[in-house]
C-alpha atoms as a PDB file:
ATOM      1  CA  MET A   1     178.911 175.013 201.278  1.00  0.00           C
ATOM      2  CA  LYS A   2     178.343 174.372 197.588  1.00  0.00           C
ATOM      3  CA  HIS A   3     180.530 174.811 194.561  1.00  0.00           C
ATOM      4  CA  ARG A   4     179.194 176.410 191.406  1.00  0.00           C
ATOM      5  CA  PHE A   5     177.523 173.219 190.137  1.00  0.00           C
ATOM      6  CA  GLY A   6     175.298 173.037 193.213  1.00  0.00           C
ATOM      7  CA  VAL A   7     176.979 169.998 194.781  1.00  0.00           C
ATOM      8  CA  SER A   8     178.263 170.281 198.324  1.00  0.00           C
ATOM      9  CA  HIS A   9     182.014 170.018 198.816  1.00  0.00           C
ATOM     10  CA  MET A  10     181.400 167.160 201.224  1.00  0.00           C
ATOM     11  CA  GLY A  11     179.337 165.361 198.610  1.00  0.00           C
ATOM     12  CA  LEU A  12     181.999 165.983 195.969  1.00  0.00           C
ATOM     13  CA  TRP A  13     184.763 164.548 198.124  1.00  0.00           C
ATOM     14  CA  ARG A  14     182.605 161.561 199.020  1.00  0.00           C
ATOM     15  CA  HIS A  15     182.036 160.958 195.313  1.00  0.00           C
ATOM     16  CA  ILE A  16     185.766 161.210 194.596  1.00  0.00           C
ATOM     17  CA  ARG A  17     186.605 158.851 197.450  1.00  0.00           C
ATOM     18  CA  THR A  18     184.000 156.311 196.306  1.00  0.00           C
ATOM     19  CA  ASN A  19     185.359 156.334 192.766  1.00  0.00           C
ATOM     20  CA  ALA A  20     188.902 155.921 194.064  1.00  0.00           C
ATOM     21  CA  GLU A  21     187.771 152.912 196.095  1.00  0.00           C
ATOM     22  CA  ASP A  22     186.027 151.477 193.025  1.00  0.00           C
ATOM     23  CA  ALA A  23     189.201 151.864 190.952  1.00  0.00           C
ATOM     24  CA  ALA A  24     191.268 150.167 193.664  1.00  0.00           C
ATOM     25  CA  ALA A  25     188.821 147.263 194.023  1.00  0.00           C
ATOM     26  CA  PHE A  26     187.878 146.665 190.386  1.00  0.00           C
ATOM     27  CA  GLY A  27     190.447 148.500 188.282  1.00  0.00           C
ATOM     28  CA  PRO A  28     190.327 151.925 186.571  1.00  0.00           C
ATOM     29  CA  GLN A  29     188.097 150.632 183.751  1.00  0.00           C
ATOM     30  CA  PHE A  30     185.276 150.289 186.295  1.00  0.00           C
ATOM     31  CA  LEU A  31     184.930 154.075 186.134  1.00  0.00           C
ATOM     32  CA  PHE A  32     184.095 153.922 182.423  1.00  0.00           C
ATOM     33  CA  ARG A  33     180.504 153.213 183.504  1.00  0.00           C
ATOM     34  CA  HIS A  34     180.101 156.975 183.952  1.00  0.00           C
ATOM     35  CA  LEU A  35     180.330 157.390 180.175  1.00  0.00           C
ATOM     36  CA  SER A  36     176.846 155.937 179.851  1.00  0.00           C
ATOM     37  CA  ARG A  37     175.438 158.959 181.665  1.00  0.00           C
ATOM     38  CA  ILE A  38     177.146 161.255 179.200  1.00  0.00           C
ATOM     39  CA  SER A  39     175.880 159.276 176.194  1.00  0.00           C
ATOM     40  CA  GLY A  40     172.395 158.889 177.664  1.00  0.00           C
ATOM     41  CA  ALA A  41     172.557 155.078 177.552  1.00  0.00           C
ATOM     42  CA  SER A  42     170.379 153.253 180.056  1.00  0.00           C
ATOM     43  CA  LEU A  43     172.839 150.393 180.494  1.00  0.00           C
ATOM     44  CA  ALA A  44     176.555 150.151 181.100  1.00  0.00           C
ATOM     45  CA  LYS A  45     179.004 147.267 181.348  1.00  0.00           C
ATOM     46  CA  VAL A  46     181.612 146.964 184.065  1.00  0.00           C
ATOM     47  CA  ARG A  47     184.357 144.397 184.368  1.00  0.00           C
ATOM     48  CA  VAL A  48     184.578 142.562 187.659  1.00  0.00           C
ATOM     49  CA  PRO A  49     187.875 140.728 188.288  1.00  0.00           C
ATOM     50  CA  GLY A  50     187.391 136.971 188.176  1.00  0.00           C
ATOM     51  CA  ILE A  51     183.850 137.331 186.799  1.00  0.00           C
ATOM     52  CA  GLY A  52     184.051 139.299 183.568  1.00  0.00           C
ATOM     53  CA  GLU A  53     181.597 141.819 182.189  1.00  0.00           C
ATOM     54  CA  VAL A  54     178.486 142.605 184.221  1.00  0.00           C
ATOM     55  CA  HIS A  55     175.599 144.719 182.942  1.00  0.00           C
ATOM     56  CA  ILE A  56     174.291 147.465 185.209  1.00  0.00           C
ATOM     57  CA  ARG A  57     171.801 150.281 184.832  1.00  0.00           C
ATOM     58  CA  THR A  58     172.817 153.889 185.205  1.00  0.00           C
ATOM     59  CA  GLY A  59     172.341 155.220 188.702  1.00  0.00           C
ATOM     60  CA  GLU A  60     173.615 153.772 191.931  1.00  0.00           C
ATOM     61  CA  SER A  61     171.424 150.793 192.868  1.00  0.00           C
ATOM     62  CA  ASP A  62     173.087 148.239 190.570  1.00  0.00           C
ATOM     63  CA  VAL A  63     176.641 149.398 191.156  1.00  0.00           C
ATOM     64  CA  TRP A  64     175.948 149.296 194.897  1.00  0.00           C
ATOM     65  CA  SER A  65     175.166 145.581 194.525  1.00  0.00           C
ATOM     66  CA  ILE A  66     178.482 145.054 192.743  1.00  0.00           C
ATOM     67  CA  ARG A  67     180.356 146.891 195.476  1.00  0.00           C
ATOM     68  CA  GLN A  68     178.602 144.938 198.207  1.00  0.00           C
ATOM     69  CA  ILE A  69     179.156 141.486 196.720  1.00  0.00           C
ATOM     70  CA  PHE A  70     182.541 141.851 195.022  1.00  0.00           C
ATOM     71  CA  GLY A  71     184.042 144.837 196.834  1.00  0.00           C
ATOM     72  CA  THR A  72     183.298 144.298 200.513  1.00  0.00           C
ATOM     73  CA  HIS A  73     182.629 140.539 200.069  1.00  0.00           C
ATOM     74  CA  VAL A  74     179.659 140.515 202.428  1.00  0.00           C
ATOM     75  CA  PHE A  75     178.913 136.812 201.850  1.00  0.00           C
ATOM     76  CA  ASP A  76     182.499 135.629 202.270  1.00  0.00           C
ATOM     77  CA  LEU A  77     183.131 133.690 205.492  1.00  0.00           C
ATOM     78  CA  GLY A  78     186.871 133.694 204.812  1.00  0.00           C
ATOM     79  CA  ARG A  79     187.362 136.197 207.626  1.00  0.00           C
ATOM     80  CA  ILE A  80     186.035 133.517 210.027  1.00  0.00           C
ATOM     81  CA  PRO A  81     188.283 130.551 209.179  1.00  0.00           C
ATOM     82  CA  ALA A  82     186.560 127.937 211.374  1.00  0.00           C
ATOM     83  CA  ALA A  83     183.116 128.729 209.958  1.00  0.00           C
ATOM     84  CA  ASN A  84     184.453 128.877 206.416  1.00  0.00           C
ATOM     85  CA  ALA A  85     186.123 125.492 206.841  1.00  0.00           C
ATOM     86  CA  ARG A  86     182.801 123.959 207.924  1.00  0.00           C
ATOM     87  CA  LEU A  87     180.999 125.439 204.937  1.00  0.00           C
ATOM     88  CA  SER A  88     183.675 124.144 202.550  1.00  0.00           C
ATOM     89  CA  ALA A  89     183.539 120.720 204.182  1.00  0.00           C
ATOM     90  CA  ARG A  90     179.752 120.508 203.681  1.00  0.00           C
ATOM     91  CA  TYR A  91     180.192 121.499 200.017  1.00  0.00           C
ATOM     92  CA  ARG A  92     182.756 118.716 199.509  1.00  0.00           C
ATOM     93  CA  THR A  93     180.621 116.182 201.377  1.00  0.00           C
ATOM     94  CA  ILE A  94     177.663 116.792 199.063  1.00  0.00           C
ATOM     95  CA  LEU A  95     179.905 116.416 196.004  1.00  0.00           C
ATOM     96  CA  GLU A  96     181.465 113.220 197.377  1.00  0.00           C
ATOM     97  CA  LYS A  97     177.961 111.733 197.497  1.00  0.00           C
ATOM     98  CA  SER A  98     177.723 112.479 193.750  1.00  0.00           C
ATOM     99  CA  ARG A  99     175.011 115.025 194.440  1.00  0.00           C
ATOM    100  CA  THR A 100     174.753 118.691 193.476  1.00  0.00           C
ATOM    101  CA  PRO A 101     174.954 121.381 196.169  1.00  0.00           C
ATOM    102  CA  VAL A 102     172.013 123.692 195.421  1.00  0.00           C
ATOM    103  CA  ILE A 103     172.028 127.392 196.216  1.00  0.00           C
ATOM    104  CA  VAL A 104     168.799 129.391 196.063  1.00  0.00           C
ATOM    105  CA  ASP A 105     169.307 133.112 195.429  1.00  0.00           C
ATOM    106  CA  ALA A 106     165.880 134.485 196.358  1.00  0.00           C
ATOM    107  CA  GLY A 107     165.644 138.118 195.358  1.00  0.00           C
ATOM    108  CA  ALA A 108     168.514 137.787 192.892  1.00  0.00           C
ATOM    109  CA  ASN A 109     168.149 141.339 191.523  1.00  0.00           C
ATOM    110  CA  ILE A 110     170.731 141.697 188.704  1.00  0.00           C
ATOM    111  CA  GLY A 111     172.532 138.461 189.598  1.00  0.00           C
ATOM    112  CA  ALA A 112     175.592 139.715 191.477  1.00  0.00           C
ATOM    113  CA  ALA A 113     175.222 137.200 194.314  1.00  0.00           C
ATOM    114  CA  SER A 114     174.544 134.355 191.879  1.00  0.00           C
ATOM    115  CA  LEU A 115     177.722 135.186 189.973  1.00  0.00           C
ATOM    116  CA  TRP A 116     179.693 135.263 193.217  1.00  0.00           C
ATOM    117  CA  PHE A 117     178.324 131.882 194.322  1.00  0.00           C
ATOM    118  CA  ASP A 118     179.097 130.476 190.865  1.00  0.00           C
ATOM    119  CA  LYS A 119     182.728 131.520 191.241  1.00  0.00           C
ATOM    120  CA  VAL A 120     183.175 130.282 194.830  1.00  0.00           C
ATOM    121  CA  PHE A 121     181.203 127.029 194.408  1.00  0.00           C
ATOM    122  CA  PRO A 122     181.730 126.144 190.726  1.00  0.00           C
ATOM    123  CA  GLU A 123     180.051 122.729 190.956  1.00  0.00           C
ATOM    124  CA  ALA A 124     176.913 124.000 192.687  1.00  0.00           C
ATOM    125  CA  GLY A 125     173.588 124.534 190.969  1.00  0.00           C
ATOM    126  CA  ILE A 126     172.219 128.040 191.529  1.00  0.00           C
ATOM    127  CA  VAL A 127     168.531 128.909 191.275  1.00  0.00           C
ATOM    128  CA  ALA A 128     168.245 132.697 190.813  1.00  0.00           C
ATOM    129  CA  LEU A 129     164.723 133.950 191.544  1.00  0.00           C
ATOM    130  CA  GLU A 130     163.681 137.507 190.665  1.00  0.00           C
ATOM    131  CA  PRO A 131     160.049 138.667 190.309  1.00  0.00           C
ATOM    132  CA  GLU A 132     160.603 142.275 189.156  1.00  0.00           C
ATOM    133  CA  PRO A 133     160.670 142.393 185.312  1.00  0.00           C
ATOM    134  CA  GLY A 134     163.325 145.107 184.943  1.00  0.00           C
ATOM    135  CA  ASN A 135     165.676 143.397 187.370  1.00  0.00           C
ATOM    136  CA  PHE A 136     165.051 140.038 185.716  1.00  0.00           C
ATOM    137  CA  ARG A 137     166.014 141.353 182.258  1.00  0.00           C
ATOM    138  CA  ILE A 138     169.425 142.411 183.590  1.00  0.00           C
ATOM    139  CA  LEU A 139     169.758 139.186 185.580  1.00  0.00           C
ATOM    140  CA  LYS A 140     169.262 137.098 182.403  1.00  0.00           C
ATOM    141  CA  ARG A 141     171.940 139.077 180.603  1.00  0.00           C
ATOM    142  CA  ASN A 142     174.402 138.716 183.440  1.00  0.00           C
ATOM    143  CA  VAL A 143     174.053 134.971 183.919  1.00  0.00           C
ATOM    144  CA  ALA A 144     173.945 134.092 180.213  1.00  0.00           C
ATOM    145  CA  GLY A 145     176.765 131.642 179.573  1.00  0.00           C
ATOM    146  CA  HIS A 146     176.811 130.459 183.185  1.00  0.00           C
ATOM    147  CA  SER A 147     175.265 127.056 182.643  1.00  0.00           C
ATOM    148  CA  ARG A 148     174.912 126.258 186.340  1.00  0.00           C
ATOM    149  CA  ILE A 149     172.811 129.346 187.092  1.00  0.00           C
ATOM    150  CA  MET A 150     169.076 128.946 186.433  1.00  0.00           C
ATOM    151  CA  PRO A 151     167.266 132.331 186.278  1.00  0.00           C
ATOM    152  CA  LEU A 152     163.534 132.201 186.990  1.00  0.00           C
ATOM    153  CA  ALA A 153     161.052 135.098 186.843  1.00  0.00           C
ATOM    154  CA  VAL A 154     159.247 134.086 190.012  1.00  0.00           C
ATOM    155  CA  ALA A 155     158.864 135.137 193.635  1.00  0.00           C
ATOM    156  CA  ILE A 156     159.681 132.978 196.647  1.00  0.00           C
ATOM    157  CA  GLY A 157     156.978 132.390 199.238  1.00  0.00           C
ATOM    158  CA  GLY A 158     155.640 130.098 201.913  1.00  0.00           C
ATOM    159  CA  ALA A 159     153.003 128.524 199.651  1.00  0.00           C
ATOM    160  CA  PRO A 160     152.216 128.505 195.895  1.00  0.00           C
ATOM    161  CA  GLY A 161     150.206 131.370 194.443  1.00  0.00           C
ATOM    162  CA  PHE A 162     150.901 134.726 192.811  1.00  0.00           C
ATOM    163  CA  VAL A 163     152.245 138.144 193.712  1.00  0.00           C
ATOM    164  CA  LYS A 164     151.988 141.611 192.325  1.00  0.00           C
ATOM    165  CA  VAL A 165     155.252 143.531 192.220  1.00  0.00           C
ATOM    166  CA  LYS A 166     155.692 147.211 192.889  1.00  0.00           C
ATOM    167  CA  ASN A 167     159.095 148.707 192.170  1.00  0.00           C
ATOM    168  CA  GLU A 168     159.264 151.643 194.537  1.00  0.00           C
ATOM    169  CA  ALA A 169     162.740 152.924 193.810  1.00  0.00           C
ATOM    170  CA  LYS A 170     163.985 151.909 190.359  1.00  0.00           C
ATOM    171  CA  GLY A 171     165.946 148.827 191.348  1.00  0.00           C
ATOM    172  CA  TRP A 172     166.473 149.594 195.011  1.00  0.00           C
ATOM    173  CA  SER A 173     163.263 148.109 196.370  1.00  0.00           C
ATOM    174  CA  ALA A 174     160.800 145.873 194.535  1.00  0.00           C
ATOM    175  CA  ARG A 175     158.022 144.998 196.986  1.00  0.00           C
ATOM    176  CA  THR A 176     155.778 141.973 196.491  1.00  0.00           C
ATOM    177  CA  SER A 177     152.345 141.208 197.881  1.00  0.00           C
ATOM    178  CA  ARG A 178     150.034 138.259 197.311  1.00  0.00           C
ATOM    179  CA  ALA A 179     147.477 138.544 194.522  1.00  0.00           C
ATOM    180  CA  ASP A 180     145.002 136.407 192.567  1.00  0.00           C
ATOM    181  CA  SER A 181     147.213 136.556 189.481  1.00  0.00           C
ATOM    182  CA  GLY A 182     150.540 137.942 188.375  1.00  0.00           C
ATOM    183  CA  VAL A 183     154.045 136.633 189.020  1.00  0.00           C
ATOM    184  CA  PRO A 184     153.993 133.010 190.211  1.00  0.00           C
ATOM    185  CA  ILE A 185     155.328 132.035 193.635  1.00  0.00           C
ATOM    186  CA  LEU A 186     157.781 129.190 194.066  1.00  0.00           C
ATOM    187  CA  THR A 187     158.279 127.567 197.466  1.00  0.00           C
ATOM    188  CA  MET A 188     161.759 126.997 198.810  1.00  0.00           C
ATOM    189  CA  VAL A 189     161.274 123.222 198.630  1.00  0.00           C
ATOM    190  CA  ASP A 190     160.410 123.468 194.933  1.00  0.00           C
ATOM    191  CA  ALA A 191     163.304 125.842 194.289  1.00  0.00           C
ATOM    192  CA  PHE A 192     165.834 123.426 195.784  1.00  0.00           C
ATOM    193  CA  ALA A 193     164.323 120.639 193.668  1.00  0.00           C
ATOM    194  CA  LYS A 194     165.069 122.458 190.385  1.00  0.00           C
ATOM    195  CA  PHE A 195     168.377 120.597 190.021  1.00  0.00           C
ATOM    196  CA  GLU A 196     168.001 116.842 189.648  1.00  0.00           C
ATOM    197  CA  GLY A 197     170.120 115.045 192.206  1.00  0.00           C
ATOM    198  CA  GLY A 198     170.463 118.236 194.178  1.00  0.00           C
ATOM    199  CA  GLU A 199     170.881 118.737 197.903  1.00  0.00           C
ATOM    200  CA  PRO A 200     170.057 121.994 199.749  1.00  0.00           C
ATOM    201  CA  PHE A 201     173.218 123.928 200.550  1.00  0.00           C
ATOM    202  CA  ILE A 202     172.689 127.705 200.819  1.00  0.00           C
ATOM    203  CA  ALA A 203     169.615 129.955 200.829  1.00  0.00           C
ATOM    204  CA  LYS A 204     170.253 133.639 200.234  1.00  0.00           C
ATOM    205  CA  ILE A 205     167.121 135.710 200.903  1.00  0.00           C
ATOM    206  CA  ASP A 206     166.671 139.405 200.148  1.00  0.00           C
ATOM    207  CA  ILE A 207     162.974 139.837 199.368  1.00  0.00           C
ATOM    208  CA  GLU A 208     162.078 143.276 200.705  1.00  0.00           C
ATOM    209  CA  GLY A 209     159.830 142.246 203.590  1.00  0.00           C
ATOM    210  CA  PHE A 210     158.139 139.270 201.913  1.00  0.00           C
ATOM    211  CA  GLU A 211     160.117 137.061 204.291  1.00  0.00           C
ATOM    212  CA  SER A 212     157.025 137.317 206.514  1.00  0.00           C
ATOM    213  CA  ASP A 213     155.214 135.191 203.906  1.00  0.00           C
ATOM    214  CA  LEU A 214     158.118 132.856 203.179  1.00  0.00           C
ATOM    215  CA  PHE A 215     158.606 131.874 206.810  1.00  0.00           C
ATOM    216  CA  GLY A 216     154.880 131.868 207.518  1.00  0.00           C
ATOM    217  CA  GLY A 217     154.555 128.688 205.458  1.00  0.00           C
ATOM    218  CA  ASN A 218     156.450 125.391 205.397  1.00  0.00           C
ATOM    219  CA  VAL A 219     159.882 125.933 206.949  1.00  0.00           C
ATOM    220  CA  ASP A 220     160.989 122.292 207.158  1.00  0.00           C
ATOM    221  CA  TRP A 221     163.589 123.055 204.477  1.00  0.00           C
ATOM    222  CA  LEU A 222     165.556 124.897 207.178  1.00  0.00           C
ATOM    223  CA  ASP A 223     166.399 121.488 208.649  1.00  0.00           C
ATOM    224  CA  ASP A 224     168.239 120.559 205.443  1.00  0.00           C
ATOM    225  CA  VAL A 225     169.938 123.771 204.292  1.00  0.00           C
ATOM    226  CA  TYR A 226     173.411 124.422 205.700  1.00  0.00           C
ATOM    227  CA  MET A 227     173.635 128.212 205.476  1.00  0.00           C
ATOM    228  CA  VAL A 228     171.015 130.965 205.353  1.00  0.00           C
ATOM    229  CA  ILE A 229     171.913 134.508 204.337  1.00  0.00           C
ATOM    230  CA  ILE A 230     169.114 136.986 204.896  1.00  0.00           C
ATOM    231  CA  GLU A 231     168.631 140.740 204.857  1.00  0.00           C
ATOM    232  CA  PRO A 232     165.716 141.515 207.205  1.00  0.00           C
ATOM    233  CA  HIS A 233     163.608 144.589 206.441  1.00  0.00           C
ATOM    234  CA  ASP A 234     162.125 145.675 209.750  1.00  0.00           C
ATOM    235  CA  TYR A 235     164.167 148.861 209.438  1.00  0.00           C
ATOM    236  CA  GLU A 236     162.290 149.758 206.239  1.00  0.00           C
ATOM    237  CA  GLN A 237     158.842 148.713 207.464  1.00  0.00           C
ATOM    238  CA  PRO A 238     158.786 149.389 211.220  1.00  0.00           C
ATOM    239  CA  GLY A 239     155.763 148.046 213.054  1.00  0.00           C
ATOM    240  CA  LYS A 240     154.940 145.425 210.397  1.00  0.00           C
ATOM    241  CA  ARG A 241     156.998 142.660 212.046  1.00  0.00           C
ATOM    242  CA  THR A 242     158.259 141.401 208.683  1.00  0.00           C
ATOM    243  CA  SER A 243     161.015 139.313 210.275  1.00  0.00           C
ATOM    244  CA  ARG A 244     158.948 137.865 213.115  1.00  0.00           C
ATOM    245  CA  SER A 245     158.122 134.536 211.433  1.00  0.00           C
ATOM    246  CA  PHE A 246     161.749 134.157 210.388  1.00  0.00           C
ATOM    247  CA  GLN A 247     163.014 134.792 213.900  1.00  0.00           C
ATOM    248  CA  ALA A 248     160.653 132.147 215.281  1.00  0.00           C
ATOM    249  CA  ALA A 249     161.643 129.568 212.652  1.00  0.00           C
ATOM    250  CA  ILE A 250     165.396 130.077 212.963  1.00  0.00           C
ATOM    251  CA  ALA A 251     165.321 130.174 216.782  1.00  0.00           C
ATOM    252  CA  ALA A 252     163.844 126.680 216.830  1.00  0.00           C
ATOM    253  CA  ARG A 253     166.915 125.304 215.032  1.00  0.00           C
ATOM    254  CA  ASP A 254     170.611 124.965 215.754  1.00  0.00           C
ATOM    255  CA  PHE A 255     172.268 127.810 213.857  1.00  0.00           C
ATOM    256  CA  GLU A 256     175.096 130.205 214.662  1.00  0.00           C
ATOM    257  CA  ILE A 257     174.755 133.819 213.551  1.00  0.00           C
ATOM    258  CA  PHE A 258     177.313 136.114 211.938  1.00  0.00           C
ATOM    259  CA  ILE A 259     176.686 139.740 210.928  1.00  0.00           C
ATOM    260  CA  SER A 260     178.032 141.062 207.635  1.00  0.00           C
ATOM    261  CA  GLY A 261     176.950 144.419 206.263  1.00  0.00           C
ATOM    262  CA  ASP A 262     173.141 144.497 205.973  1.00  0.00           C
ATOM    263  CA  SER A 263     172.926 140.703 206.066  1.00  0.00           C
ATOM    264  CA  LEU A 264     172.663 138.085 208.772  1.00  0.00           C
ATOM    265  CA  ILE A 265     174.464 134.816 208.046  1.00  0.00           C
ATOM    266  CA  TYR A 266     173.242 131.675 209.802  1.00  0.00           C
ATOM    267  CA  LEU A 267     175.390 128.547 209.744  1.00  0.00           C
ATOM    268  CA  HIS A 268     174.294 125.138 210.999  1.00  0.00           C
ATOM    269  CA  VAL A 269     176.189 123.956 214.042  1.00  0.00           C
END
């Protein structure tokens, strides 16, 4: 059944419920983002408690990232106290050695995860990698003023080279494939080395199927990193075995697995 504006009653109530949840999680001002649609603006600013203002584009892909990271806290191991205690202990151990815990946010999109890591691990160095130009422009805005976040307009891969980027859904899915020229590829080893005196700590990977390339190259860095957060994409590209090389690499090492939302979280034992 539809009301006179052509929107189903079920869809209307879902929209109302989602906005109520947003207001509860982030405060009523979070709903002011809808004004940008009325004004025709392409960008809006929302305030995230504990973070400050975050730029998002109109539509749902960017706000979904905010909800996922700061609303449902998909990367927070606090609900598993023993695992969270181990992660915190590793963070402190690296700092006690006068080294910098380095977090690589591969597929950083608009920077929501990087901002979350910056809040939770304030003395870490965060390398935020994003190859899609539109996403990267918003990422740079969002991490400006966060001196420990380093935004780079590059892709992550198993070996140096270049990729071409195809944004298939306006922020939802930017697919990369190897090419002779285009956006440069950074390896995970080189990404962790971006902070002098750094030590691998966390790798967060959401690269729309290009994990097949990343884990098809040198994976020795998995022996050093303490936590891996990855969103596999077999469900989007069935039959292409995009997570196969990752599964082989991670199975050869001593990690525990936790499931949170669309992500798999692997923690060294």
